[in-house]
Amino acid sequence: MTEKTLNDLRYTQMQQWLVSVLGHSNFSLRPASGDASFRRYFRVQTDDRTYIVMDAPPEKEDCKPFVELSAVFQKSGLHTPEVINQDLALGYLLLSDLGEEQYLQKLNDKNVDHLYGDALSALATLQVCAASHYDFPLYDDTLLMNEMNLFTDWLLTRQWGVQLESKDKKMFNQVFSLLSSSARLQPQVPVHRDYHSRNLMFTTDHNPGILDFQDAVLGPVTYDLVSLLKDCYISWPRKKIEEWVVGYHDLALQSGILSESDEQVFLRWFDFMGVQRHLKAAGIFARLNIRDNKPAYMQDVPRTVGYIIDVCKRYPELHDLHQFLSPVCEAAGISTIHDLK
């Protein structure tokens, strides 16, 4: 049975489930958003309102963390979808609709300070309040290292056909260890893990709406900050990013997230965390292309790898990674990796 057939069967089953949940069949369905996982989302239109239905095949996705964390984040004062109805066995959730305006579609030079101000305030709330309501799994060394290995396994080896020599493997192991150590040295807080412009919705009330939080963990304080400010889907000038980082550093001190003030240490944490995240993201984009037949994500590889190159130029400890990546990227046909604003 093909994946398309299975999806069609789940779509029919989902329609039947919605009839039982809503008590009528007077609704229409249309795709609501794409997803890098096996989940699908549809917008349900009835006579008087819209909903979102999540289709998460239970053999591939577990809806329980989404249901639990939605309640946790709402209790913490964050704007997440309300779970109106659920069937965890079948893998369907009926959710409130946070609208159709992603941050990615809304952001521009004129409104970015305001929109990011809302997102950074929400992030501080997440880091301060959510920890007391949920036992988050730890973003440990094993997970951090496994994520970075996606870069060498999927992007370098499988996508670009790079054969790593023993000295290259040694260099990557040293860099990965450095980045993992930096992450674990940071204050550990609740981490959304994908706090970026495609998972933040612009809402007129209680902005932003927050999506895709089911993989949240307890981890480095700068991780979600990197996701937001060094977004794989949109980029901003380095000077502007540093201003936002320093501003969040001050907010974190005021909120009790940080106990010691050192802007340079915080910026170094932020930069190293960015390299870890962008190694992971670039590897995932290649895996989505090769394994899952989702090639569209490859268009975001130049920006994502560009962030890595930019940071590596700034820190002597990452010089060897810079020396390795520059010719490899050129050979792969990526000519815009230095063209970040």
C-alpha atoms as a PDB file:
ATOM      1  CA  MET A   1       0.000   0.000   0.000  1.00  0.00           C
ATOM      2  CA  THR A   2       1.500   3.355  -1.044  1.00  0.00           C
ATOM      3  CA  GLU A   3       1.878   6.379   1.206  1.00  0.00           C
ATOM      4  CA  LYS A   4      -0.621   8.249  -0.971  1.00  0.00           C
ATOM      5  CA  THR A   5      -3.195   5.484  -0.487  1.00  0.00           C
ATOM      6  CA  LEU A   6      -2.587   5.474   3.250  1.00  0.00           C
ATOM      7  CA  ASN A   7      -3.014   9.261   3.355  1.00  0.00           C
ATOM      8  CA  ASP A   8      -6.239   9.003   1.380  1.00  0.00           C
ATOM      9  CA  LEU A   9      -7.557   6.396   3.800  1.00  0.00           C
ATOM     10  CA  ARG A  10      -6.625   8.591   6.761  1.00  0.00           C
ATOM     11  CA  TYR A  11      -8.261  11.571   5.100  1.00  0.00           C
ATOM     12  CA  THR A  12     -11.546   9.637   4.743  1.00  0.00           C
ATOM     13  CA  GLN A  13     -11.251   8.408   8.339  1.00  0.00           C
ATOM     14  CA  MET A  14     -10.558  11.978   9.488  1.00  0.00           C
ATOM     15  CA  GLN A  15     -13.702  13.228   7.768  1.00  0.00           C
ATOM     16  CA  GLN A  16     -15.760  10.549   9.523  1.00  0.00           C
ATOM     17  CA  TRP A  17     -14.169  11.453  12.858  1.00  0.00           C
ATOM     18  CA  LEU A  18     -14.995  15.134  12.337  1.00  0.00           C
ATOM     19  CA  VAL A  19     -18.640  14.284  11.627  1.00  0.00           C
ATOM     20  CA  SER A  20     -18.835  12.419  14.926  1.00  0.00           C
ATOM     21  CA  VAL A  21     -17.085  15.242  16.811  1.00  0.00           C
ATOM     22  CA  LEU A  22     -18.963  18.176  15.271  1.00  0.00           C
ATOM     23  CA  GLY A  23     -22.295  16.356  15.113  1.00  0.00           C
ATOM     24  CA  HIS A  24     -22.848  17.226  11.455  1.00  0.00           C
ATOM     25  CA  SER A  25     -21.229  17.015   8.042  1.00  0.00           C
ATOM     26  CA  ASN A  26     -21.752  20.637   7.068  1.00  0.00           C
ATOM     27  CA  PHE A  27     -18.077  21.570   6.831  1.00  0.00           C
ATOM     28  CA  SER A  28     -15.323  21.901   4.268  1.00  0.00           C
ATOM     29  CA  LEU A  29     -11.643  21.000   4.495  1.00  0.00           C
ATOM     30  CA  ARG A  30      -8.542  22.511   2.936  1.00  0.00           C
ATOM     31  CA  PRO A  31      -4.828  22.173   3.710  1.00  0.00           C
ATOM     32  CA  ALA A  32      -3.753  24.551   6.454  1.00  0.00           C
ATOM     33  CA  SER A  33       0.026  24.221   6.403  1.00  0.00           C
ATOM     34  CA  GLY A  34       2.886  21.988   5.456  1.00  0.00           C
ATOM     35  CA  ASP A  35       5.003  20.187   8.019  1.00  0.00           C
ATOM     36  CA  ALA A  36       8.458  18.652   8.082  1.00  0.00           C
ATOM     37  CA  SER A  37       7.142  15.669  10.049  1.00  0.00           C
ATOM     38  CA  PHE A  38       4.494  13.076   9.225  1.00  0.00           C
ATOM     39  CA  ARG A  39       1.760  15.346  10.593  1.00  0.00           C
ATOM     40  CA  ARG A  40      -0.768  17.059   8.321  1.00  0.00           C
ATOM     41  CA  TYR A  41      -3.003  20.019   9.140  1.00  0.00           C
ATOM     42  CA  PHE A  42      -6.325  20.994   7.603  1.00  0.00           C
ATOM     43  CA  ARG A  43      -8.552  24.009   8.138  1.00  0.00           C
ATOM     44  CA  VAL A  44     -12.135  23.029   8.926  1.00  0.00           C
ATOM     45  CA  GLN A  45     -14.729  25.586   7.841  1.00  0.00           C
ATOM     46  CA  THR A  46     -18.223  25.385   9.321  1.00  0.00           C
ATOM     47  CA  ASP A  47     -21.058  27.874   9.002  1.00  0.00           C
ATOM     48  CA  ASP A  48     -19.936  29.978  11.941  1.00  0.00           C
ATOM     49  CA  ARG A  49     -16.219  29.313  12.633  1.00  0.00           C
ATOM     50  CA  THR A  50     -13.033  27.601  11.599  1.00  0.00           C
ATOM     51  CA  TYR A  51     -10.951  24.939  13.322  1.00  0.00           C
ATOM     52  CA  ILE A  52      -7.706  23.150  12.640  1.00  0.00           C
ATOM     53  CA  VAL A  53      -7.599  19.362  12.507  1.00  0.00           C
ATOM     54  CA  MET A  54      -4.254  17.631  12.992  1.00  0.00           C
ATOM     55  CA  ASP A  55      -3.718  14.280  11.313  1.00  0.00           C
ATOM     56  CA  ALA A  56      -0.817  12.510  13.063  1.00  0.00           C
ATOM     57  CA  PRO A  57      -0.511   8.802  12.174  1.00  0.00           C
ATOM     58  CA  PRO A  58      -0.114   7.139  15.605  1.00  0.00           C
ATOM     59  CA  GLU A  59       2.541   4.689  14.383  1.00  0.00           C
ATOM     60  CA  LYS A  60       4.724   7.672  13.388  1.00  0.00           C
ATOM     61  CA  GLU A  61       3.670  10.539  15.676  1.00  0.00           C
ATOM     62  CA  ASP A  62       2.526  10.783  19.295  1.00  0.00           C
ATOM     63  CA  CYS A  63      -0.112  13.456  19.925  1.00  0.00           C
ATOM     64  CA  LYS A  64       0.068  13.210  23.708  1.00  0.00           C
ATOM     65  CA  PRO A  65       2.948  15.699  24.205  1.00  0.00           C
ATOM     66  CA  PHE A  66       1.123  18.259  22.054  1.00  0.00           C
ATOM     67  CA  VAL A  67      -2.037  17.917  24.131  1.00  0.00           C
ATOM     68  CA  GLU A  68      -0.143  18.141  27.425  1.00  0.00           C
ATOM     69  CA  LEU A  69       2.109  21.025  26.409  1.00  0.00           C
ATOM     70  CA  SER A  70      -0.725  23.045  24.903  1.00  0.00           C
ATOM     71  CA  ALA A  71      -2.353  23.077  28.321  1.00  0.00           C
ATOM     72  CA  VAL A  72       0.965  23.782  30.076  1.00  0.00           C
ATOM     73  CA  PHE A  73       1.801  26.738  27.861  1.00  0.00           C
ATOM     74  CA  GLN A  74      -1.696  28.186  28.129  1.00  0.00           C
ATOM     75  CA  LYS A  75      -1.451  27.911  31.914  1.00  0.00           C
ATOM     76  CA  SER A  76       1.855  29.765  31.685  1.00  0.00           C
ATOM     77  CA  GLY A  77       0.196  32.617  29.804  1.00  0.00           C
ATOM     78  CA  LEU A  78       1.183  31.719  26.242  1.00  0.00           C
ATOM     79  CA  HIS A  79      -1.084  31.740  23.202  1.00  0.00           C
ATOM     80  CA  THR A  80      -1.274  28.182  21.896  1.00  0.00           C
ATOM     81  CA  PRO A  81      -4.117  26.296  20.182  1.00  0.00           C
ATOM     82  CA  GLU A  82      -6.833  24.956  22.435  1.00  0.00           C
ATOM     83  CA  VAL A  83      -7.378  21.219  22.096  1.00  0.00           C
ATOM     84  CA  ILE A  84     -11.146  21.026  21.564  1.00  0.00           C
ATOM     85  CA  ASN A  85     -11.349  17.288  20.932  1.00  0.00           C
ATOM     86  CA  GLN A  86      -8.891  14.448  20.616  1.00  0.00           C
ATOM     87  CA  ASP A  87      -8.515  10.804  19.678  1.00  0.00           C
ATOM     88  CA  LEU A  88      -4.965   9.778  20.553  1.00  0.00           C
ATOM     89  CA  ALA A  89      -5.502   6.211  19.372  1.00  0.00           C
ATOM     90  CA  LEU A  90      -6.487   7.357  15.881  1.00  0.00           C
ATOM     91  CA  GLY A  91      -4.094  10.303  15.860  1.00  0.00           C
ATOM     92  CA  TYR A  92      -6.552  13.170  15.350  1.00  0.00           C
ATOM     93  CA  LEU A  93      -6.822  16.474  17.212  1.00  0.00           C
ATOM     94  CA  LEU A  94      -9.388  19.218  16.712  1.00  0.00           C
ATOM     95  CA  LEU A  95      -7.803  22.558  17.566  1.00  0.00           C
ATOM     96  CA  SER A  96      -8.756  26.201  17.757  1.00  0.00           C
ATOM     97  CA  ASP A  97      -7.595  28.198  14.735  1.00  0.00           C
ATOM     98  CA  LEU A  98      -4.903  30.841  15.332  1.00  0.00           C
ATOM     99  CA  GLY A  99      -5.328  32.284  11.856  1.00  0.00           C
ATOM    100  CA  GLU A 100      -3.403  32.181   8.596  1.00  0.00           C
ATOM    101  CA  GLU A 101      -0.732  34.883   9.023  1.00  0.00           C
ATOM    102  CA  GLN A 102       2.649  33.386   9.805  1.00  0.00           C
ATOM    103  CA  TYR A 103       5.348  35.687  11.087  1.00  0.00           C
ATOM    104  CA  LEU A 104       7.289  34.788   7.937  1.00  0.00           C
ATOM    105  CA  GLN A 105       4.579  36.342   5.788  1.00  0.00           C
ATOM    106  CA  LYS A 106       4.164  39.372   8.026  1.00  0.00           C
ATOM    107  CA  LEU A 107       7.733  40.405   8.892  1.00  0.00           C
ATOM    108  CA  ASN A 108       9.352  43.408   7.228  1.00  0.00           C
ATOM    109  CA  ASP A 109      11.922  46.061   8.101  1.00  0.00           C
ATOM    110  CA  LYS A 110       9.257  48.372   9.530  1.00  0.00           C
ATOM    111  CA  ASN A 111       7.481  45.952  11.876  1.00  0.00           C
ATOM    112  CA  VAL A 112      10.230  43.497  12.839  1.00  0.00           C
ATOM    113  CA  ASP A 113      11.149  45.246  16.093  1.00  0.00           C
ATOM    114  CA  HIS A 114       7.529  45.227  17.218  1.00  0.00           C
ATOM    115  CA  LEU A 115       6.805  41.637  16.170  1.00  0.00           C
ATOM    116  CA  TYR A 116      10.059  40.306  17.598  1.00  0.00           C
ATOM    117  CA  GLY A 117       9.377  42.302  20.762  1.00  0.00           C
ATOM    118  CA  ASP A 118       6.152  40.326  21.202  1.00  0.00           C
ATOM    119  CA  ALA A 119       7.924  37.050  20.411  1.00  0.00           C
ATOM    120  CA  LEU A 120      10.779  37.755  22.840  1.00  0.00           C
ATOM    121  CA  SER A 121       8.336  38.643  25.614  1.00  0.00           C
ATOM    122  CA  ALA A 122       6.508  35.362  24.990  1.00  0.00           C
ATOM    123  CA  LEU A 123       9.844  33.519  25.017  1.00  0.00           C
ATOM    124  CA  ALA A 124      10.704  34.983  28.416  1.00  0.00           C
ATOM    125  CA  THR A 125       7.310  33.820  29.684  1.00  0.00           C
ATOM    126  CA  LEU A 126       7.991  30.334  28.341  1.00  0.00           C
ATOM    127  CA  GLN A 127      11.393  30.174  30.008  1.00  0.00           C
ATOM    128  CA  VAL A 128      10.194  31.553  33.348  1.00  0.00           C
ATOM    129  CA  CYS A 129       6.772  29.993  33.816  1.00  0.00           C
ATOM    130  CA  ALA A 130       6.569  26.707  31.945  1.00  0.00           C
ATOM    131  CA  ALA A 131       9.243  24.893  33.978  1.00  0.00           C
ATOM    132  CA  SER A 132       7.035  24.800  37.070  1.00  0.00           C
ATOM    133  CA  HIS A 133       4.166  23.093  35.219  1.00  0.00           C
ATOM    134  CA  TYR A 134       5.844  20.243  33.337  1.00  0.00           C
ATOM    135  CA  ASP A 135       8.641  17.706  33.619  1.00  0.00           C
ATOM    136  CA  PHE A 136      10.484  18.462  30.390  1.00  0.00           C
ATOM    137  CA  PRO A 137      12.861  15.820  28.998  1.00  0.00           C
ATOM    138  CA  LEU A 138      16.492  16.914  29.084  1.00  0.00           C
ATOM    139  CA  TYR A 139      18.238  18.256  25.991  1.00  0.00           C
ATOM    140  CA  ASP A 140      21.245  16.111  26.835  1.00  0.00           C
ATOM    141  CA  ASP A 141      24.634  15.583  25.214  1.00  0.00           C
ATOM    142  CA  THR A 142      23.439  12.541  23.284  1.00  0.00           C
ATOM    143  CA  LEU A 143      20.593  14.448  21.643  1.00  0.00           C
ATOM    144  CA  LEU A 144      22.808  17.441  20.859  1.00  0.00           C
ATOM    145  CA  MET A 145      25.457  15.229  19.256  1.00  0.00           C
ATOM    146  CA  ASN A 146      22.934  13.135  17.303  1.00  0.00           C
ATOM    147  CA  GLU A 147      21.445  16.308  15.853  1.00  0.00           C
ATOM    148  CA  MET A 148      24.819  17.584  14.629  1.00  0.00           C
ATOM    149  CA  ASN A 149      25.625  14.224  13.092  1.00  0.00           C
ATOM    150  CA  LEU A 150      22.686  14.828  10.735  1.00  0.00           C
ATOM    151  CA  PHE A 151      24.867  17.393   8.987  1.00  0.00           C
ATOM    152  CA  THR A 152      27.707  15.006   8.193  1.00  0.00           C
ATOM    153  CA  ASP A 153      25.448  12.013   7.530  1.00  0.00           C
ATOM    154  CA  TRP A 154      22.778  13.609   5.356  1.00  0.00           C
ATOM    155  CA  LEU A 155      24.021  16.876   3.878  1.00  0.00           C
ATOM    156  CA  LEU A 156      27.734  16.211   3.434  1.00  0.00           C
ATOM    157  CA  THR A 157      27.779  12.487   2.708  1.00  0.00           C
ATOM    158  CA  ARG A 158      24.421  11.692   1.110  1.00  0.00           C
ATOM    159  CA  GLN A 159      23.377  14.994  -0.466  1.00  0.00           C
ATOM    160  CA  TRP A 160      26.747  16.370  -1.556  1.00  0.00           C
ATOM    161  CA  GLY A 161      28.694  13.105  -1.837  1.00  0.00           C
ATOM    162  CA  VAL A 162      31.583  14.280   0.360  1.00  0.00           C
ATOM    163  CA  GLN A 163      33.851  11.503   1.598  1.00  0.00           C
ATOM    164  CA  LEU A 164      35.189  12.477   5.014  1.00  0.00           C
ATOM    165  CA  GLU A 165      38.792  11.597   5.741  1.00  0.00           C
ATOM    166  CA  SER A 166      39.900  10.591   9.243  1.00  0.00           C
ATOM    167  CA  LYS A 167      41.231  14.098   9.928  1.00  0.00           C
ATOM    168  CA  ASP A 168      37.882  15.570   8.879  1.00  0.00           C
ATOM    169  CA  LYS A 169      35.990  13.241  11.196  1.00  0.00           C
ATOM    170  CA  LYS A 170      38.333  14.161  14.034  1.00  0.00           C
ATOM    171  CA  MET A 171      37.746  17.869  13.375  1.00  0.00           C
ATOM    172  CA  PHE A 172      33.972  17.440  13.367  1.00  0.00           C
ATOM    173  CA  ASN A 173      34.083  15.438  16.597  1.00  0.00           C
ATOM    174  CA  GLN A 174      36.098  18.197  18.267  1.00  0.00           C
ATOM    175  CA  VAL A 175      33.760  20.918  17.021  1.00  0.00           C
ATOM    176  CA  PHE A 176      30.675  18.953  18.026  1.00  0.00           C
ATOM    177  CA  SER A 177      32.085  18.419  21.521  1.00  0.00           C
ATOM    178  CA  LEU A 178      32.876  22.131  21.847  1.00  0.00           C
ATOM    179  CA  LEU A 179      29.364  23.133  20.792  1.00  0.00           C
ATOM    180  CA  SER A 180      27.702  20.557  23.024  1.00  0.00           C
ATOM    181  CA  SER A 181      29.778  21.674  26.021  1.00  0.00           C
ATOM    182  CA  SER A 182      28.829  25.303  25.390  1.00  0.00           C
ATOM    183  CA  ALA A 183      25.147  24.336  25.267  1.00  0.00           C
ATOM    184  CA  ARG A 184      25.328  22.427  28.540  1.00  0.00           C
ATOM    185  CA  LEU A 185      27.176  25.263  30.313  1.00  0.00           C
ATOM    186  CA  GLN A 186      24.211  27.576  29.787  1.00  0.00           C
ATOM    187  CA  PRO A 187      21.284  27.955  32.204  1.00  0.00           C
ATOM    188  CA  GLN A 188      18.776  25.219  31.353  1.00  0.00           C
ATOM    189  CA  VAL A 189      15.219  26.372  30.653  1.00  0.00           C
ATOM    190  CA  PRO A 190      12.152  25.109  28.777  1.00  0.00           C
ATOM    191  CA  VAL A 191      13.007  25.081  25.060  1.00  0.00           C
ATOM    192  CA  HIS A 192      10.374  25.087  22.313  1.00  0.00           C
ATOM    193  CA  ARG A 193      12.977  23.790  19.770  1.00  0.00           C
ATOM    194  CA  ASP A 194      11.392  25.357  16.672  1.00  0.00           C
ATOM    195  CA  TYR A 195      10.647  28.911  17.763  1.00  0.00           C
ATOM    196  CA  HIS A 196      10.781  30.558  14.332  1.00  0.00           C
ATOM    197  CA  SER A 197       8.768  32.514  11.796  1.00  0.00           C
ATOM    198  CA  ARG A 198       6.816  29.543  10.428  1.00  0.00           C
ATOM    199  CA  ASN A 199       5.645  28.451  13.873  1.00  0.00           C
ATOM    200  CA  LEU A 200       4.701  31.898  15.166  1.00  0.00           C
ATOM    201  CA  MET A 201       1.356  33.250  14.012  1.00  0.00           C
ATOM    202  CA  PHE A 202       0.513  36.939  13.934  1.00  0.00           C
ATOM    203  CA  THR A 203      -2.640  37.449  15.977  1.00  0.00           C
ATOM    204  CA  THR A 204      -4.367  40.747  16.748  1.00  0.00           C
ATOM    205  CA  ASP A 205      -4.996  39.565  20.301  1.00  0.00           C
ATOM    206  CA  HIS A 206      -2.251  38.107  22.486  1.00  0.00           C
ATOM    207  CA  ASN A 207       0.410  38.028  19.783  1.00  0.00           C
ATOM    208  CA  PRO A 208       2.083  35.717  18.856  1.00  0.00           C
ATOM    209  CA  GLY A 209       0.234  32.452  18.500  1.00  0.00           C
ATOM    210  CA  ILE A 210       2.685  29.589  19.048  1.00  0.00           C
ATOM    211  CA  LEU A 211       2.604  26.280  17.132  1.00  0.00           C
ATOM    212  CA  ASP A 212       4.632  23.062  16.806  1.00  0.00           C
ATOM    213  CA  PHE A 213       5.814  22.844  20.405  1.00  0.00           C
ATOM    214  CA  GLN A 214       5.355  19.121  20.994  1.00  0.00           C
ATOM    215  CA  ASP A 215       9.108  18.400  21.042  1.00  0.00           C
ATOM    216  CA  ALA A 216       9.886  20.863  23.857  1.00  0.00           C
ATOM    217  CA  VAL A 217      12.760  19.990  26.192  1.00  0.00           C
ATOM    218  CA  LEU A 218      14.784  21.437  29.051  1.00  0.00           C
ATOM    219  CA  GLY A 219      17.856  22.924  27.447  1.00  0.00           C
ATOM    220  CA  PRO A 220      20.113  25.916  26.702  1.00  0.00           C
ATOM    221  CA  VAL A 221      18.771  29.394  27.344  1.00  0.00           C
ATOM    222  CA  THR A 222      19.892  30.687  23.927  1.00  0.00           C
ATOM    223  CA  TYR A 223      18.441  27.894  21.791  1.00  0.00           C
ATOM    224  CA  ASP A 224      15.022  29.409  21.050  1.00  0.00           C
ATOM    225  CA  LEU A 225      16.629  32.847  20.785  1.00  0.00           C
ATOM    226  CA  VAL A 226      18.765  31.517  17.935  1.00  0.00           C
ATOM    227  CA  SER A 227      15.743  29.878  16.293  1.00  0.00           C
ATOM    228  CA  LEU A 228      13.976  33.241  16.235  1.00  0.00           C
ATOM    229  CA  LEU A 229      16.783  35.675  15.442  1.00  0.00           C
ATOM    230  CA  LYS A 230      18.843  33.459  13.105  1.00  0.00           C
ATOM    231  CA  ASP A 231      15.827  31.996  11.370  1.00  0.00           C
ATOM    232  CA  CYS A 232      16.487  29.455   8.610  1.00  0.00           C
ATOM    233  CA  TYR A 233      13.748  31.110   6.519  1.00  0.00           C
ATOM    234  CA  ILE A 234      14.545  34.829   6.865  1.00  0.00           C
ATOM    235  CA  SER A 235      17.690  36.748   7.810  1.00  0.00           C
ATOM    236  CA  TRP A 236      18.530  40.101   9.363  1.00  0.00           C
ATOM    237  CA  PRO A 237      21.712  42.213   9.644  1.00  0.00           C
ATOM    238  CA  ARG A 238      24.248  40.971  12.184  1.00  0.00           C
ATOM    239  CA  LYS A 239      24.239  44.338  13.975  1.00  0.00           C
ATOM    240  CA  LYS A 240      20.482  44.146  14.429  1.00  0.00           C
ATOM    241  CA  ILE A 241      20.681  40.576  15.692  1.00  0.00           C
ATOM    242  CA  GLU A 242      23.281  41.541  18.291  1.00  0.00           C
ATOM    243  CA  GLU A 243      21.053  44.386  19.505  1.00  0.00           C
ATOM    244  CA  TRP A 244      18.178  41.955  19.988  1.00  0.00           C
ATOM    245  CA  VAL A 245      20.447  39.449  21.768  1.00  0.00           C
ATOM    246  CA  VAL A 246      21.683  42.103  24.192  1.00  0.00           C
ATOM    247  CA  GLY A 247      18.112  43.252  24.765  1.00  0.00           C
ATOM    248  CA  TYR A 248      17.041  39.709  25.580  1.00  0.00           C
ATOM    249  CA  HIS A 249      20.054  39.297  27.849  1.00  0.00           C
ATOM    250  CA  ASP A 250      18.794  42.286  29.862  1.00  0.00           C
ATOM    251  CA  LEU A 251      15.218  40.964  29.889  1.00  0.00           C
ATOM    252  CA  ALA A 252      16.460  37.562  31.058  1.00  0.00           C
ATOM    253  CA  LEU A 253      18.332  39.215  33.928  1.00  0.00           C
ATOM    254  CA  GLN A 254      15.232  41.166  34.951  1.00  0.00           C
ATOM    255  CA  SER A 255      13.089  38.017  34.743  1.00  0.00           C
ATOM    256  CA  GLY A 256      15.463  35.874  36.787  1.00  0.00           C
ATOM    257  CA  ILE A 257      16.296  33.615  33.834  1.00  0.00           C
ATOM    258  CA  LEU A 258      19.938  34.688  34.135  1.00  0.00           C
ATOM    259  CA  SER A 259      21.670  35.271  37.464  1.00  0.00           C
ATOM    260  CA  GLU A 260      24.904  36.793  36.146  1.00  0.00           C
ATOM    261  CA  SER A 261      25.430  39.629  33.673  1.00  0.00           C
ATOM    262  CA  ASP A 262      28.028  39.129  30.936  1.00  0.00           C
ATOM    263  CA  GLU A 263      26.898  40.197  27.479  1.00  0.00           C
ATOM    264  CA  GLN A 264      29.969  38.787  25.722  1.00  0.00           C
ATOM    265  CA  VAL A 265      29.586  35.357  27.294  1.00  0.00           C
ATOM    266  CA  PHE A 266      25.889  35.383  26.396  1.00  0.00           C
ATOM    267  CA  LEU A 267      26.672  36.369  22.789  1.00  0.00           C
ATOM    268  CA  ARG A 268      29.250  33.584  22.556  1.00  0.00           C
ATOM    269  CA  TRP A 269      26.675  31.095  23.875  1.00  0.00           C
ATOM    270  CA  PHE A 270      24.230  32.418  21.291  1.00  0.00           C
ATOM    271  CA  ASP A 271      26.687  32.121  18.406  1.00  0.00           C
ATOM    272  CA  PHE A 272      27.851  28.605  19.315  1.00  0.00           C
ATOM    273  CA  MET A 273      24.260  27.507  19.851  1.00  0.00           C
ATOM    274  CA  GLY A 274      23.499  28.835  16.394  1.00  0.00           C
ATOM    275  CA  VAL A 275      26.175  26.669  14.828  1.00  0.00           C
ATOM    276  CA  GLN A 276      24.763  23.603  16.598  1.00  0.00           C
ATOM    277  CA  ARG A 277      21.214  24.382  15.468  1.00  0.00           C
ATOM    278  CA  HIS A 278      22.156  25.192  11.894  1.00  0.00           C
ATOM    279  CA  LEU A 279      24.243  22.041  11.528  1.00  0.00           C
ATOM    280  CA  LYS A 280      21.169  20.129  12.648  1.00  0.00           C
ATOM    281  CA  ALA A 281      18.771  22.086  10.416  1.00  0.00           C
ATOM    282  CA  ALA A 282      20.898  21.770   7.284  1.00  0.00           C
ATOM    283  CA  GLY A 283      21.119  18.017   7.875  1.00  0.00           C
ATOM    284  CA  ILE A 284      17.370  17.778   8.350  1.00  0.00           C
ATOM    285  CA  PHE A 285      16.730  19.712   5.134  1.00  0.00           C
ATOM    286  CA  ALA A 286      18.858  17.194   3.233  1.00  0.00           C
ATOM    287  CA  ARG A 287      17.093  14.279   4.915  1.00  0.00           C
ATOM    288  CA  LEU A 288      13.708  15.748   3.998  1.00  0.00           C
ATOM    289  CA  ASN A 289      14.878  15.947   0.407  1.00  0.00           C
ATOM    290  CA  ILE A 290      16.410  12.475   0.170  1.00  0.00           C
ATOM    291  CA  ARG A 291      14.284  10.343   2.472  1.00  0.00           C
ATOM    292  CA  ASP A 292      10.926  12.125   2.477  1.00  0.00           C
ATOM    293  CA  ASN A 293      10.847  13.538  -1.076  1.00  0.00           C
ATOM    294  CA  LYS A 294      10.413  17.128   0.166  1.00  0.00           C
ATOM    295  CA  PRO A 295      12.939  19.044  -1.956  1.00  0.00           C
ATOM    296  CA  ALA A 296      11.594  22.530  -1.205  1.00  0.00           C
ATOM    297  CA  TYR A 297      13.594  22.717   2.031  1.00  0.00           C
ATOM    298  CA  MET A 298      16.860  22.597   0.066  1.00  0.00           C
ATOM    299  CA  GLN A 299      16.331  26.221  -0.948  1.00  0.00           C
ATOM    300  CA  ASP A 300      16.967  27.171   2.694  1.00  0.00           C
ATOM    301  CA  VAL A 301      20.318  25.370   2.916  1.00  0.00           C
ATOM    302  CA  PRO A 302      22.417  28.327   1.634  1.00  0.00           C
ATOM    303  CA  ARG A 303      21.094  30.659   4.328  1.00  0.00           C
ATOM    304  CA  THR A 304      21.391  27.997   7.010  1.00  0.00           C
ATOM    305  CA  VAL A 305      24.965  27.068   6.119  1.00  0.00           C
ATOM    306  CA  GLY A 306      25.723  30.754   5.668  1.00  0.00           C
ATOM    307  CA  TYR A 307      25.008  31.319   9.351  1.00  0.00           C
ATOM    308  CA  ILE A 308      27.566  28.621  10.195  1.00  0.00           C
ATOM    309  CA  ILE A 309      30.219  30.169   7.945  1.00  0.00           C
ATOM    310  CA  ASP A 310      29.587  33.629   9.403  1.00  0.00           C
ATOM    311  CA  VAL A 311      30.071  32.480  13.013  1.00  0.00           C
ATOM    312  CA  CYS A 312      33.087  30.316  12.184  1.00  0.00           C
ATOM    313  CA  LYS A 313      34.874  33.388  10.825  1.00  0.00           C
ATOM    314  CA  ARG A 314      34.444  35.128  14.187  1.00  0.00           C
ATOM    315  CA  TYR A 315      35.879  32.488  16.533  1.00  0.00           C
ATOM    316  CA  PRO A 316      39.370  30.945  16.321  1.00  0.00           C
ATOM    317  CA  GLU A 317      38.044  27.702  17.831  1.00  0.00           C
ATOM    318  CA  LEU A 318      35.898  27.233  14.718  1.00  0.00           C
ATOM    319  CA  HIS A 319      38.567  28.147  12.159  1.00  0.00           C
ATOM    320  CA  ASP A 320      39.061  24.539  11.024  1.00  0.00           C
ATOM    321  CA  LEU A 321      35.352  24.104  10.367  1.00  0.00           C
ATOM    322  CA  HIS A 322      35.391  27.303   8.318  1.00  0.00           C
ATOM    323  CA  GLN A 323      38.373  26.074   6.311  1.00  0.00           C
ATOM    324  CA  PHE A 324      36.621  22.782   5.601  1.00  0.00           C
ATOM    325  CA  LEU A 325      33.194  24.177   4.712  1.00  0.00           C
ATOM    326  CA  SER A 326      34.136  27.034   2.396  1.00  0.00           C
ATOM    327  CA  PRO A 327      35.483  24.922  -0.504  1.00  0.00           C
ATOM    328  CA  VAL A 328      32.911  22.164   0.086  1.00  0.00           C
ATOM    329  CA  CYS A 329      30.052  24.648  -0.234  1.00  0.00           C
ATOM    330  CA  GLU A 330      31.550  26.171  -3.359  1.00  0.00           C
ATOM    331  CA  ALA A 331      31.896  22.714  -4.897  1.00  0.00           C
ATOM    332  CA  ALA A 332      28.240  22.053  -4.061  1.00  0.00           C
ATOM    333  CA  GLY A 333      27.241  25.129  -6.027  1.00  0.00           C
ATOM    334  CA  ILE A 334      26.324  27.295  -3.056  1.00  0.00           C
ATOM    335  CA  SER A 335      27.589  30.708  -4.039  1.00  0.00           C
ATOM    336  CA  THR A 336      25.468  32.876  -1.728  1.00  0.00           C
ATOM    337  CA  ILE A 337      26.581  31.575   1.666  1.00  0.00           C
ATOM    338  CA  HIS A 338      28.254  34.876   2.518  1.00  0.00           C
ATOM    339  CA  ASP A 339      25.329  36.996   1.370  1.00  0.00           C
ATOM    340  CA  LEU A 340      23.563  37.299   4.701  1.00  0.00           C
ATOM    341  CA  LYS A 341      22.467  40.885   5.305  1.00  0.00           C
END
